[in-house]
N, C-alpha and C. Protein backbone atom coordinates (compact mmCIF):
# COMPACT_ATOMS: atom_id res chain seq x y z
N MET A 1 -120.44 50.73 36.02
CA MET A 1 -119.00 51.27 36.32
C MET A 1 -119.87 52.89 36.36
N SER A 2 -120.17 53.71 37.29
CA SER A 2 -120.58 55.17 37.48
C SER A 2 -119.75 55.72 37.07
N ASN A 3 -119.66 56.21 35.55
CA ASN A 3 -118.33 56.97 35.08
C ASN A 3 -119.03 57.96 33.48
N PRO A 4 -118.83 58.91 33.63
CA PRO A 4 -119.70 59.32 32.21
C PRO A 4 -118.56 59.53 30.95
N ILE A 5 -117.65 59.10 31.12
CA ILE A 5 -116.67 58.76 29.63
C ILE A 5 -117.11 57.01 29.73
N ILE A 6 -117.35 56.51 30.52
CA ILE A 6 -117.61 55.20 30.25
C ILE A 6 -119.05 55.08 29.66
N SER A 7 -120.08 55.76 30.29
CA SER A 7 -121.62 55.60 29.87
C SER A 7 -121.31 56.25 28.18
N GLU A 8 -120.84 56.87 28.22
CA GLU A 8 -120.62 57.37 26.73
C GLU A 8 -120.33 56.74 25.41
N LEU A 9 -119.13 55.90 25.83
CA LEU A 9 -118.65 54.48 24.95
C LEU A 9 -119.72 53.41 25.26
N GLU A 10 -120.30 52.98 26.13
CA GLU A 10 -121.17 51.84 26.24
C GLU A 10 -122.23 52.58 25.16
N LYS A 11 -122.68 53.68 25.07
CA LYS A 11 -123.71 54.09 23.79
C LYS A 11 -123.07 53.79 22.73
N ARG A 12 -122.07 54.07 22.01
CA ARG A 12 -121.48 54.00 21.19
C ARG A 12 -121.46 52.90 20.71
N TYR A 13 -121.88 52.86 19.40
CA TYR A 13 -121.53 51.93 18.40
C TYR A 13 -121.41 52.36 16.43
N THR A 14 -121.49 50.97 16.21
CA THR A 14 -121.27 51.50 14.46
C THR A 14 -122.82 50.87 13.89
N VAL A 15 -122.29 52.68 13.15
CA VAL A 15 -123.46 53.03 12.64
C VAL A 15 -124.13 52.08 11.37
N LYS A 16 -125.49 51.96 10.90
CA LYS A 16 -126.00 50.97 10.00
C LYS A 16 -126.54 52.05 8.68
N HIS A 17 -127.23 52.59 9.52
CA HIS A 17 -128.07 53.83 8.86
C HIS A 17 -128.21 55.28 9.67
N TYR A 18 -127.99 55.97 8.16
CA TYR A 18 -128.03 57.27 8.57
C TYR A 18 -129.16 58.11 8.04
N ASP A 19 -129.78 59.23 9.01
CA ASP A 19 -130.69 60.33 8.81
C ASP A 19 -130.09 61.12 8.14
N ALA A 20 -130.49 61.35 6.63
CA ALA A 20 -129.63 62.01 5.70
C ALA A 20 -130.08 63.31 6.10
N SER A 21 -131.31 63.68 6.54
CA SER A 21 -131.37 64.96 6.93
C SER A 21 -130.85 65.99 7.83
N LYS A 22 -130.27 65.15 8.69
CA LYS A 22 -129.84 65.64 9.86
C LYS A 22 -127.95 65.90 10.08
N ARG A 23 -127.35 66.69 9.88
CA ARG A 23 -126.27 67.28 10.03
C ARG A 23 -125.71 67.96 11.32
N ILE A 24 -124.59 67.52 11.27
CA ILE A 24 -123.40 67.55 12.42
C ILE A 24 -122.91 69.52 11.86
N SER A 25 -123.04 70.50 13.07
CA SER A 25 -123.63 71.71 13.63
C SER A 25 -121.93 71.58 12.81
N GLN A 26 -121.79 73.38 12.20
CA GLN A 26 -120.53 73.47 12.07
C GLN A 26 -119.57 74.06 13.19
N ALA A 27 -119.93 74.31 14.75
CA ALA A 27 -119.52 74.52 16.29
C ALA A 27 -118.90 72.80 16.49
N ASP A 28 -119.77 72.05 15.93
CA ASP A 28 -119.35 70.63 16.35
C ASP A 28 -118.17 70.21 16.03
N LEU A 29 -117.98 70.91 14.34
CA LEU A 29 -117.25 70.06 13.61
C LEU A 29 -116.20 70.58 13.60
N GLU A 30 -115.71 72.07 14.26
CA GLU A 30 -115.01 72.45 14.60
C GLU A 30 -113.59 72.31 15.60
N VAL A 31 -114.45 71.38 16.31
CA VAL A 31 -114.66 70.31 17.96
C VAL A 31 -113.68 69.39 17.19
N ILE A 32 -114.28 69.06 16.55
CA ILE A 32 -113.96 67.45 15.99
C ILE A 32 -112.49 67.34 15.02
N TYR A 33 -112.39 68.34 14.40
CA TYR A 33 -111.34 68.49 13.38
C TYR A 33 -110.22 69.21 14.34
N GLU A 34 -110.02 69.93 15.25
CA GLU A 34 -109.18 70.16 16.15
C GLU A 34 -109.13 68.76 17.44
N ALA A 35 -109.52 68.37 17.71
CA ALA A 35 -109.08 67.20 18.29
C ALA A 35 -108.63 65.93 17.06
N ILE A 36 -109.30 65.86 16.10
CA ILE A 36 -108.04 65.04 15.56
C ILE A 36 -106.57 65.43 15.12
N ARG A 37 -106.59 67.23 15.12
CA ARG A 37 -105.23 67.84 14.80
C ARG A 37 -104.79 67.43 15.62
N LEU A 38 -105.04 67.72 17.19
CA LEU A 38 -104.20 67.04 18.66
C LEU A 38 -104.13 65.74 18.47
N SER A 39 -104.14 65.04 17.85
CA SER A 39 -104.03 63.40 18.19
C SER A 39 -102.49 62.90 17.87
N PRO A 40 -101.99 62.22 19.34
CA PRO A 40 -100.99 61.79 19.23
C PRO A 40 -100.09 60.42 18.36
N SER A 41 -98.80 60.72 17.75
CA SER A 41 -97.89 60.42 16.99
C SER A 41 -96.66 59.75 17.42
N SER A 42 -96.08 58.89 16.51
CA SER A 42 -94.85 58.48 17.08
C SER A 42 -93.94 59.63 16.71
N ILE A 43 -93.03 59.64 17.80
CA ILE A 43 -91.79 61.06 17.28
C ILE A 43 -92.74 62.34 16.76
N ASN A 44 -94.53 62.21 16.99
CA ASN A 44 -94.99 63.69 16.52
C ASN A 44 -94.91 64.13 15.47
N SER A 45 -94.92 62.37 14.65
CA SER A 45 -94.58 62.77 13.17
C SER A 45 -95.53 63.19 11.93
N GLN A 46 -96.64 62.79 12.95
CA GLN A 46 -98.31 63.47 11.98
C GLN A 46 -97.99 63.27 10.74
N PRO A 47 -97.69 61.74 10.33
CA PRO A 47 -98.07 61.42 8.70
C PRO A 47 -99.22 61.36 7.96
N TRP A 48 -100.28 62.57 8.51
CA TRP A 48 -101.27 61.85 7.56
C TRP A 48 -101.75 63.30 6.87
N LYS A 49 -103.08 62.93 6.37
CA LYS A 49 -103.75 63.78 5.47
C LYS A 49 -105.34 63.40 6.13
N PHE A 50 -106.11 64.33 6.44
CA PHE A 50 -107.69 64.18 6.52
C PHE A 50 -108.37 64.92 5.41
N ILE A 51 -109.24 64.12 4.82
CA ILE A 51 -110.25 64.63 3.70
C ILE A 51 -111.57 64.80 4.12
N VAL A 52 -112.07 65.96 4.11
CA VAL A 52 -113.67 66.39 4.53
C VAL A 52 -114.52 65.84 3.55
N ILE A 53 -115.30 64.72 3.53
CA ILE A 53 -116.55 64.92 2.75
C ILE A 53 -117.31 65.49 2.65
N GLU A 54 -117.71 67.01 2.48
CA GLU A 54 -118.82 67.66 3.08
C GLU A 54 -120.02 67.89 1.63
N SER A 55 -119.97 68.36 0.99
CA SER A 55 -120.36 68.79 -0.61
C SER A 55 -121.09 67.78 -1.13
N ASP A 56 -122.35 68.21 -1.64
CA ASP A 56 -122.81 67.21 -2.56
C ASP A 56 -121.68 66.30 -3.56
N GLU A 57 -121.10 67.29 -4.13
CA GLU A 57 -120.02 67.07 -5.22
C GLU A 57 -119.19 65.67 -4.37
N ALA A 58 -118.73 66.10 -3.73
CA ALA A 58 -117.80 65.56 -3.12
C ALA A 58 -118.31 63.89 -2.04
N LYS A 59 -119.81 64.27 -2.25
CA LYS A 59 -120.50 62.63 -1.72
C LYS A 59 -120.47 62.20 -2.50
N GLN A 60 -120.65 62.49 -4.02
CA GLN A 60 -121.12 61.85 -5.17
C GLN A 60 -119.91 61.29 -5.56
N ARG A 61 -118.50 61.73 -5.37
CA ARG A 61 -117.34 61.10 -6.00
C ARG A 61 -116.89 60.17 -4.87
N PHE A 62 -117.50 60.19 -3.56
CA PHE A 62 -117.03 58.96 -2.87
C PHE A 62 -118.30 57.59 -2.53
N HIS A 63 -119.06 58.51 -2.84
CA HIS A 63 -120.40 57.39 -3.51
C HIS A 63 -119.53 56.31 -4.71
N ASP A 64 -118.93 57.23 -5.99
CA ASP A 64 -118.47 56.57 -6.91
C ASP A 64 -117.20 55.34 -6.59
N THR A 65 -116.74 55.73 -5.47
CA THR A 65 -115.50 55.08 -5.37
C THR A 65 -115.97 53.46 -5.24
N PHE A 66 -117.22 53.13 -4.55
CA PHE A 66 -117.76 52.01 -4.10
C PHE A 66 -118.46 50.82 -5.70
N ALA A 67 -117.56 51.36 -6.56
CA ALA A 67 -118.48 50.98 -8.10
C ALA A 67 -117.86 49.78 -8.26
N ASN A 68 -116.82 48.91 -7.63
CA ASN A 68 -115.85 48.16 -7.86
C ASN A 68 -116.57 46.96 -6.84
N LYS A 69 -116.48 47.25 -5.42
CA LYS A 69 -116.18 46.65 -4.36
C LYS A 69 -117.07 47.05 -3.34
N PHE A 70 -117.24 47.11 -2.29
CA PHE A 70 -117.65 47.34 -0.37
C PHE A 70 -118.95 47.94 -0.84
N GLN A 71 -119.74 47.36 -1.87
CA GLN A 71 -120.95 48.73 -2.10
C GLN A 71 -122.00 48.35 -0.69
N PHE A 72 -121.60 47.29 0.31
CA PHE A 72 -122.47 47.79 1.57
C PHE A 72 -122.05 49.09 2.24
N ASN A 73 -121.12 49.54 1.93
CA ASN A 73 -120.76 50.92 2.77
C ASN A 73 -121.18 51.97 1.62
N GLN A 74 -121.64 52.00 0.35
CA GLN A 74 -122.34 52.78 -0.26
C GLN A 74 -122.99 53.81 0.10
N LYS A 75 -124.14 52.80 0.67
CA LYS A 75 -124.95 53.69 1.74
C LYS A 75 -124.72 55.00 2.32
N HIS A 76 -123.76 54.80 3.13
CA HIS A 76 -122.57 56.15 3.95
C HIS A 76 -122.46 57.40 3.02
N ALA A 77 -122.37 57.11 2.04
CA ALA A 77 -121.61 58.13 1.46
C ALA A 77 -122.46 59.57 1.30
N LYS A 78 -124.05 59.21 1.42
CA LYS A 78 -124.37 60.24 0.88
C LYS A 78 -125.65 60.76 2.19
N ALA A 79 -125.80 59.81 2.86
CA ALA A 79 -126.73 59.67 4.29
C ALA A 79 -125.56 60.36 5.34
N ALA A 80 -124.91 59.91 5.34
CA ALA A 80 -123.76 60.45 6.67
C ALA A 80 -123.81 62.30 6.58
N SER A 81 -123.46 62.56 7.67
CA SER A 81 -123.84 64.10 7.46
C SER A 81 -122.03 64.68 6.41
N HIS A 82 -121.28 64.20 7.47
CA HIS A 82 -119.88 63.85 6.68
C HIS A 82 -119.02 62.84 6.77
N THR A 83 -118.38 62.66 6.05
CA THR A 83 -116.86 61.26 6.23
C THR A 83 -115.34 62.15 5.99
N ILE A 84 -115.06 61.75 6.96
CA ILE A 84 -113.63 62.23 6.78
C ILE A 84 -112.52 60.68 6.32
N LEU A 85 -112.09 60.58 5.53
CA LEU A 85 -110.44 60.31 4.78
C LEU A 85 -109.85 59.82 5.58
N PHE A 86 -108.96 59.03 6.54
CA PHE A 86 -108.41 59.35 7.33
C PHE A 86 -106.64 58.66 6.30
N ALA A 87 -105.90 59.33 5.63
CA ALA A 87 -104.57 58.72 5.17
C ALA A 87 -103.40 59.37 4.88
N GLN A 88 -102.60 58.06 5.12
CA GLN A 88 -100.89 58.15 5.45
C GLN A 88 -100.36 58.10 4.56
N LYS A 89 -98.89 59.59 4.75
CA LYS A 89 -98.09 59.71 3.76
C LYS A 89 -97.12 58.14 3.91
N LYS A 90 -97.04 57.70 2.47
CA LYS A 90 -96.63 56.40 1.81
C LYS A 90 -95.11 56.75 2.10
N GLN A 91 -94.68 57.21 2.04
CA GLN A 91 -93.54 57.77 2.17
C GLN A 91 -92.96 59.29 3.00
N TYR A 92 -93.01 58.79 4.15
CA TYR A 92 -92.61 59.92 5.17
C TYR A 92 -91.24 60.00 5.10
N THR A 93 -90.96 61.29 4.52
CA THR A 93 -89.51 61.30 4.79
C THR A 93 -88.41 62.62 5.85
N ARG A 94 -87.39 62.88 5.50
CA ARG A 94 -87.00 63.41 6.49
C ARG A 94 -87.26 65.00 6.37
N ASP A 95 -87.66 65.46 5.18
CA ASP A 95 -88.06 66.65 4.77
C ASP A 95 -89.72 66.82 5.35
N ASP A 96 -90.42 65.76 5.51
CA ASP A 96 -91.69 65.91 6.58
C ASP A 96 -91.25 65.74 7.74
N TYR A 97 -90.08 65.31 8.71
CA TYR A 97 -90.20 65.61 9.60
C TYR A 97 -89.43 67.14 10.21
N ALA A 98 -88.57 67.52 8.82
CA ALA A 98 -88.26 69.17 9.10
C ALA A 98 -89.32 69.62 9.46
N LYS A 99 -90.32 69.46 8.77
CA LYS A 99 -91.69 70.56 9.04
C LYS A 99 -91.91 70.77 10.44
N VAL A 100 -91.51 69.48 10.93
CA VAL A 100 -92.44 69.34 12.52
C VAL A 100 -91.42 70.06 13.51
N ILE A 101 -90.17 69.47 13.44
CA ILE A 101 -89.14 70.28 14.07
C ILE A 101 -89.53 71.68 13.42
N ASP A 102 -89.03 72.42 12.22
CA ASP A 102 -89.48 73.93 12.50
C ASP A 102 -90.82 74.35 13.21
N ALA A 103 -92.05 73.91 13.27
CA ALA A 103 -93.11 74.29 14.17
C ALA A 103 -92.28 74.21 15.06
N ASP A 104 -91.77 73.03 15.60
CA ASP A 104 -91.39 72.91 17.41
C ASP A 104 -90.40 74.34 17.33
N ILE A 105 -89.74 74.39 16.55
CA ILE A 105 -89.04 75.98 16.94
C ILE A 105 -89.55 76.87 17.50
N LYS A 106 -90.43 76.97 16.21
CA LYS A 106 -91.22 78.14 16.06
C LYS A 106 -92.53 78.68 17.56
N ILE A 107 -92.42 77.58 17.96
CA ILE A 107 -93.05 77.41 19.52
C ILE A 107 -92.26 77.70 20.36
N GLY A 108 -91.22 77.92 20.14
CA GLY A 108 -90.23 77.40 21.43
C GLY A 108 -89.81 75.64 22.26
N ARG A 109 -90.19 75.03 21.21
CA ARG A 109 -90.43 73.67 22.32
C ARG A 109 -89.32 73.20 21.58
N THR A 110 -88.31 73.69 20.44
CA THR A 110 -87.38 72.98 20.44
C THR A 110 -86.45 74.48 19.74
N LYS A 111 -84.81 74.47 20.59
CA LYS A 111 -84.09 75.52 20.21
C LYS A 111 -83.52 75.34 18.50
N ALA A 112 -83.36 76.38 17.73
CA ALA A 112 -82.81 76.48 16.65
C ALA A 112 -80.93 75.79 16.34
N GLU A 113 -81.13 76.13 17.25
CA GLU A 113 -79.48 75.45 17.14
C GLU A 113 -79.24 73.58 18.25
N ASN A 114 -80.89 73.50 17.81
CA ASN A 114 -80.77 71.87 18.23
C ASN A 114 -81.60 71.17 17.69
N LYS A 115 -81.49 71.88 16.22
CA LYS A 115 -82.68 71.19 14.91
C LYS A 115 -81.44 70.17 14.72
N GLU A 116 -80.37 69.80 14.57
CA GLU A 116 -79.97 68.38 13.89
C GLU A 116 -79.95 67.26 15.05
N GLN A 117 -79.76 67.86 16.04
CA GLN A 117 -80.31 66.98 17.33
C GLN A 117 -81.42 66.41 17.22
N ALA A 118 -82.75 67.26 17.38
CA ALA A 118 -83.92 66.70 17.03
C ALA A 118 -84.25 65.45 15.92
N PHE A 119 -83.47 66.07 15.23
CA PHE A 119 -83.67 64.75 14.04
C PHE A 119 -83.42 63.44 14.50
N GLY A 120 -82.49 63.12 15.48
CA GLY A 120 -82.20 62.12 16.06
C GLY A 120 -83.56 60.97 16.23
N ALA A 121 -84.92 61.39 16.60
CA ALA A 121 -85.70 60.81 16.72
C ALA A 121 -86.52 60.05 15.23
N PHE A 122 -86.06 60.59 14.74
CA PHE A 122 -86.04 60.01 13.21
C PHE A 122 -85.94 58.71 12.82
N GLY A 123 -84.51 58.01 13.72
CA GLY A 123 -84.25 57.14 13.99
C GLY A 123 -85.61 56.17 13.68
N PHE A 124 -86.53 56.08 14.50
CA PHE A 124 -87.77 55.26 14.26
C PHE A 124 -88.08 55.27 12.96
N VAL A 125 -88.43 56.27 12.00
CA VAL A 125 -88.86 56.03 11.01
C VAL A 125 -88.06 55.40 9.91
N ASP A 126 -86.47 55.70 10.16
CA ASP A 126 -86.00 54.44 9.31
C ASP A 126 -85.86 53.42 9.82
N MET A 127 -85.95 52.69 10.83
CA MET A 127 -86.31 51.06 11.35
C MET A 127 -87.87 50.98 10.78
N ASN A 128 -88.78 51.63 10.20
CA ASN A 128 -89.81 50.83 9.34
C ASN A 128 -90.11 51.29 8.43
N THR A 129 -88.71 51.95 7.48
CA THR A 129 -88.80 52.06 5.78
C THR A 129 -87.74 50.87 5.34
N ASP A 130 -88.69 50.63 3.93
CA ASP A 130 -88.22 49.39 3.43
C ASP A 130 -87.05 50.19 2.02
N GLU A 131 -86.64 49.19 1.35
CA GLU A 131 -85.51 49.70 0.45
C GLU A 131 -86.07 50.23 -0.97
N ASN A 132 -87.16 50.18 -0.64
CA ASN A 132 -87.58 51.32 -1.65
C ASN A 132 -88.33 52.43 -1.26
N GLY A 133 -88.05 53.13 -0.18
CA GLY A 133 -88.13 54.37 1.34
C GLY A 133 -89.96 54.44 1.25
N ILE A 134 -90.29 53.13 0.71
CA ILE A 134 -91.72 53.07 2.02
C ILE A 134 -92.05 52.85 3.28
N ASN A 135 -92.59 53.48 3.81
CA ASN A 135 -92.92 53.37 5.39
C ASN A 135 -94.52 53.43 5.88
N ALA A 136 -95.15 52.99 4.55
CA ALA A 136 -96.69 52.95 4.71
C ALA A 136 -97.47 52.30 5.81
N PRO A 137 -96.56 50.93 6.16
CA PRO A 137 -97.48 50.35 7.54
C PRO A 137 -97.03 50.98 8.61
N TRP A 138 -96.16 51.93 8.74
CA TRP A 138 -96.15 52.67 9.94
C TRP A 138 -96.56 54.06 10.00
N THR A 139 -96.66 54.35 8.74
CA THR A 139 -97.59 55.75 9.28
C THR A 139 -99.15 55.53 8.91
N LYS A 140 -99.50 54.12 8.91
CA LYS A 140 -101.24 54.05 8.50
C LYS A 140 -101.26 53.52 10.08
N ALA A 141 -100.23 53.04 11.12
CA ALA A 141 -100.81 53.02 12.66
C ALA A 141 -100.65 54.23 12.92
N GLN A 142 -100.15 55.47 12.75
CA GLN A 142 -100.04 56.73 13.40
C GLN A 142 -101.41 56.82 13.03
N THR A 143 -102.00 57.22 11.50
CA THR A 143 -103.12 57.69 11.55
C THR A 143 -104.44 56.29 12.28
N TYR A 144 -103.88 55.37 12.17
CA TYR A 144 -105.29 54.88 13.47
C TYR A 144 -105.67 55.02 14.35
N ILE A 145 -104.26 55.70 15.17
CA ILE A 145 -104.28 56.85 16.77
C ILE A 145 -105.28 57.77 16.45
N ALA A 146 -105.23 58.56 15.06
CA ALA A 146 -106.19 59.74 15.31
C ALA A 146 -107.56 59.72 14.81
N LEU A 147 -107.66 58.15 13.88
CA LEU A 147 -109.18 57.32 14.33
C LEU A 147 -109.54 57.01 15.35
N GLY A 148 -109.21 56.70 15.93
CA GLY A 148 -109.56 56.25 17.67
C GLY A 148 -110.02 56.94 18.04
N ASN A 149 -108.74 58.46 17.86
CA ASN A 149 -109.50 59.61 18.85
C ASN A 149 -110.62 59.94 18.64
N ALA A 150 -110.53 60.09 17.23
CA ALA A 150 -111.98 60.89 16.61
C ALA A 150 -113.21 60.35 16.88
N MET A 151 -113.59 58.52 16.97
CA MET A 151 -114.35 57.79 17.58
C MET A 151 -114.60 58.06 19.17
N THR A 152 -114.11 58.43 19.81
CA THR A 152 -113.58 58.54 21.15
C THR A 152 -115.00 59.98 21.29
N VAL A 153 -113.76 60.83 20.47
CA VAL A 153 -114.23 62.59 20.61
C VAL A 153 -115.77 62.09 19.89
N LEU A 154 -116.32 61.71 19.53
CA LEU A 154 -117.40 61.73 19.17
C LEU A 154 -118.50 61.16 19.77
N ALA A 155 -117.82 59.73 20.13
CA ALA A 155 -119.45 59.85 21.27
C ALA A 155 -119.20 60.29 22.85
N ARG A 156 -118.27 61.30 22.58
CA ARG A 156 -118.25 62.14 23.90
C ARG A 156 -119.31 63.39 23.77
N MET A 157 -119.08 63.40 22.33
CA MET A 157 -120.18 64.58 21.71
C MET A 157 -121.54 64.31 21.48
N GLY A 158 -122.03 62.81 21.53
CA GLY A 158 -123.70 62.26 21.05
C GLY A 158 -123.48 62.20 19.48
N ILE A 159 -122.37 61.85 18.54
CA ILE A 159 -122.43 62.34 17.36
C ILE A 159 -122.18 60.50 16.80
N ASP A 160 -122.62 60.09 15.78
CA ASP A 160 -122.32 59.06 15.34
C ASP A 160 -121.49 58.68 14.83
N SER A 161 -121.43 57.74 14.83
CA SER A 161 -120.17 57.15 13.49
C SER A 161 -119.91 55.83 12.83
N THR A 162 -119.50 55.43 11.78
CA THR A 162 -119.08 54.29 11.21
C THR A 162 -117.58 54.23 10.62
N PRO A 163 -116.74 53.08 11.39
CA PRO A 163 -115.40 53.37 10.56
C PRO A 163 -115.60 52.52 9.60
N MET A 164 -114.87 52.59 8.15
CA MET A 164 -115.45 51.55 7.32
C MET A 164 -113.98 51.52 6.80
N GLU A 165 -113.17 50.42 6.88
CA GLU A 165 -111.94 49.76 6.15
C GLU A 165 -112.31 49.23 4.34
N GLY A 166 -113.93 49.03 4.82
CA GLY A 166 -114.38 48.19 3.13
C GLY A 166 -114.17 49.43 2.67
N ILE A 167 -113.71 49.98 1.81
CA ILE A 167 -113.18 50.90 0.84
C ILE A 167 -112.12 50.39 -0.51
N ASP A 168 -112.29 51.02 -0.94
CA ASP A 168 -111.51 51.13 -2.43
C ASP A 168 -110.44 52.02 -2.37
N HIS A 169 -109.08 51.27 -1.92
CA HIS A 169 -107.94 52.86 -2.09
C HIS A 169 -107.90 53.00 -3.55
N GLU A 170 -107.25 52.30 -4.22
CA GLU A 170 -106.83 52.19 -5.67
C GLU A 170 -108.04 53.64 -6.12
N LEU A 171 -109.54 52.93 -6.38
CA LEU A 171 -110.30 53.56 -6.55
C LEU A 171 -110.71 55.47 -6.11
N ILE A 172 -110.29 55.63 -4.71
CA ILE A 172 -110.75 56.72 -3.80
C ILE A 172 -108.98 57.52 -4.77
N SER A 173 -108.04 56.89 -4.46
CA SER A 173 -106.84 57.56 -5.10
C SER A 173 -106.91 58.68 -6.16
N GLU A 174 -107.76 57.90 -7.37
CA GLU A 174 -108.09 57.86 -8.82
C GLU A 174 -109.50 59.59 -8.75
N LEU A 175 -110.16 58.93 -8.01
CA LEU A 175 -111.09 59.86 -7.40
C LEU A 175 -110.89 61.12 -7.00
N PHE A 176 -109.86 61.42 -5.96
CA PHE A 176 -109.85 62.41 -5.23
C PHE A 176 -107.76 62.52 -5.11
N PRO A 177 -108.01 62.70 -6.74
CA PRO A 177 -106.24 63.93 -6.79
C PRO A 177 -105.68 64.36 -5.42
N GLU A 178 -106.79 64.81 -4.84
CA GLU A 178 -106.61 65.86 -3.52
C GLU A 178 -105.70 64.83 -2.31
N LEU A 179 -105.61 63.18 -2.99
CA LEU A 179 -105.00 62.39 -1.98
C LEU A 179 -103.47 62.42 -2.37
N GLU A 180 -102.83 63.06 -3.22
CA GLU A 180 -101.83 62.94 -3.77
C GLU A 180 -100.39 62.31 -3.04
N GLY A 181 -99.65 61.53 -3.52
CA GLY A 181 -98.75 61.08 -2.17
C GLY A 181 -98.97 60.61 -0.62
N TYR A 182 -100.54 60.38 -0.55
CA TYR A 182 -101.27 59.91 0.68
C TYR A 182 -101.75 58.57 0.49
N GLN A 183 -102.26 57.88 0.81
CA GLN A 183 -102.77 56.35 0.59
C GLN A 183 -104.04 56.51 1.91
N CYS A 184 -105.25 56.45 1.62
CA CYS A 184 -106.35 56.22 1.84
C CYS A 184 -107.00 54.89 1.94
N ASP A 185 -106.60 53.89 3.61
CA ASP A 185 -107.36 52.93 4.01
C ASP A 185 -108.72 52.65 4.45
N VAL A 186 -108.60 54.13 5.60
CA VAL A 186 -110.47 53.97 6.26
C VAL A 186 -111.08 55.04 6.15
N ALA A 187 -111.82 55.04 6.23
CA ALA A 187 -112.52 56.57 6.72
C ALA A 187 -113.94 56.49 7.27
N LEU A 188 -113.87 57.14 8.11
CA LEU A 188 -114.78 57.51 8.94
C LEU A 188 -116.55 58.13 8.71
N ALA A 189 -117.31 57.72 8.40
CA ALA A 189 -118.85 58.31 8.51
C ALA A 189 -119.33 58.97 9.79
N MET A 190 -119.77 60.11 9.67
CA MET A 190 -120.14 60.68 10.61
C MET A 190 -121.87 60.86 10.84
N GLY A 191 -122.60 61.29 11.44
CA GLY A 191 -123.96 62.45 11.50
C GLY A 191 -124.93 61.46 12.72
N TYR A 192 -125.64 61.35 12.46
CA TYR A 192 -127.37 60.75 13.47
C TYR A 192 -128.04 59.69 12.79
N HIS A 193 -128.03 58.71 13.17
CA HIS A 193 -128.58 57.00 12.84
C HIS A 193 -130.01 57.61 12.82
N ASP A 194 -130.53 56.79 11.55
CA ASP A 194 -131.98 56.51 11.55
C ASP A 194 -132.98 55.66 12.07
N ALA A 195 -133.53 56.65 12.99
CA ALA A 195 -134.01 55.34 14.27
C ALA A 195 -134.77 54.12 13.96
N ALA A 196 -135.55 54.24 12.33
CA ALA A 196 -136.40 53.87 12.25
C ALA A 196 -135.81 52.16 11.60
N GLU A 197 -134.52 53.16 11.19
CA GLU A 197 -134.09 51.48 9.74
C GLU A 197 -132.92 51.02 10.98
N ASP A 198 -132.39 51.80 11.94
CA ASP A 198 -130.17 51.47 12.39
C ASP A 198 -130.84 50.28 13.00
N TYR A 199 -130.96 49.16 12.67
CA TYR A 199 -131.27 48.05 13.70
C TYR A 199 -129.89 47.70 14.71
N ASN A 200 -128.91 47.83 14.26
CA ASN A 200 -127.34 47.72 15.00
C ASN A 200 -128.02 48.68 16.54
N ALA A 201 -128.69 49.63 16.44
CA ALA A 201 -129.12 50.68 17.45
C ALA A 201 -129.41 49.88 19.11
N ALA A 202 -130.48 49.03 18.70
CA ALA A 202 -131.14 48.12 19.30
C ALA A 202 -130.42 47.29 20.15
N LEU A 203 -129.51 46.52 19.41
CA LEU A 203 -128.91 45.72 19.94
C LEU A 203 -127.74 45.93 21.38
N PRO A 204 -127.78 44.73 21.97
CA PRO A 204 -126.54 44.93 22.92
C PRO A 204 -125.30 45.05 22.78
N LYS A 205 -124.46 45.86 23.35
CA LYS A 205 -123.07 46.09 23.16
C LYS A 205 -122.29 44.23 23.05
N SER A 206 -121.77 44.30 22.49
CA SER A 206 -120.85 42.67 22.68
C SER A 206 -119.51 43.29 22.77
N ARG A 207 -118.67 42.90 24.31
CA ARG A 207 -117.53 43.05 24.02
C ARG A 207 -117.13 41.86 25.26
N LEU A 208 -115.68 41.57 25.26
CA LEU A 208 -115.46 40.14 25.92
C LEU A 208 -115.35 40.61 27.23
N ALA A 209 -115.75 40.32 28.48
CA ALA A 209 -115.24 40.60 29.64
C ALA A 209 -113.94 41.08 29.63
N LEU A 210 -113.75 41.99 30.79
CA LEU A 210 -112.45 42.36 31.17
C LEU A 210 -111.02 41.52 31.68
N GLU A 211 -112.01 40.42 32.38
CA GLU A 211 -111.06 39.39 33.01
C GLU A 211 -110.27 38.60 31.87
N ASP A 212 -111.15 38.20 30.73
CA ASP A 212 -110.50 38.07 29.61
C ASP A 212 -109.82 38.33 28.20
N ILE A 213 -109.18 40.04 28.94
CA ILE A 213 -108.25 40.73 27.72
C ILE A 213 -107.42 41.73 28.17
N LEU A 214 -107.76 41.48 30.10
CA LEU A 214 -106.77 42.37 30.22
C LEU A 214 -106.11 41.73 31.82
N THR A 215 -104.62 41.81 31.88
CA THR A 215 -103.41 40.91 33.01
C THR A 215 -103.05 42.02 33.57
N VAL A 216 -103.18 42.40 34.99
CA VAL A 216 -102.82 43.44 35.73
C VAL A 216 -101.58 42.73 36.43
N LEU A 217 -99.89 43.05 35.65
CA LEU A 217 -99.09 42.16 37.01
C LEU A 217 -98.36 43.18 38.23
């Protein structure tokens, strides 16, 4: 198929070794951050927080989160240009959604007199909240939409990435107090691969055939 989007996605792969000497430009970072902010979510809930690992101090902290397990991902902590922690609110509440509605009122999307009516959409949250007020599985699903959006944007920009579910969310919560109230189950390393060391770069892309996964009715 001849299409620039498909060509860019065909080139995308999960990087196994980064070139630590190459960094993402600030201009490109600003595009990435704005693209993540614009990610969709159920009822526009936006139940997420994104922590960017950029400084040497933060990279060391992230490196230290692999002390107990998933050491195979530890090499990305310092070699990648940047890493983003994708975290979801563990208890998304009516107060959290009120911030979204208030923002909508401010830009004129929702009329102030319709604020209570706008809370009707919060029923989707109630449906996914347990007796202890936990709705993390639902907020996690929303956060993965942002993750997928970020990887697509990076592919279009020619920037490499590595999604990492192999992280210790308990130790990350301990070493990154900035995550208070949120849980990080996945991180995205970003940068540029090491042409000499990244064996995955030369391997053919592996995907099932379209007819095996797609049914048109």
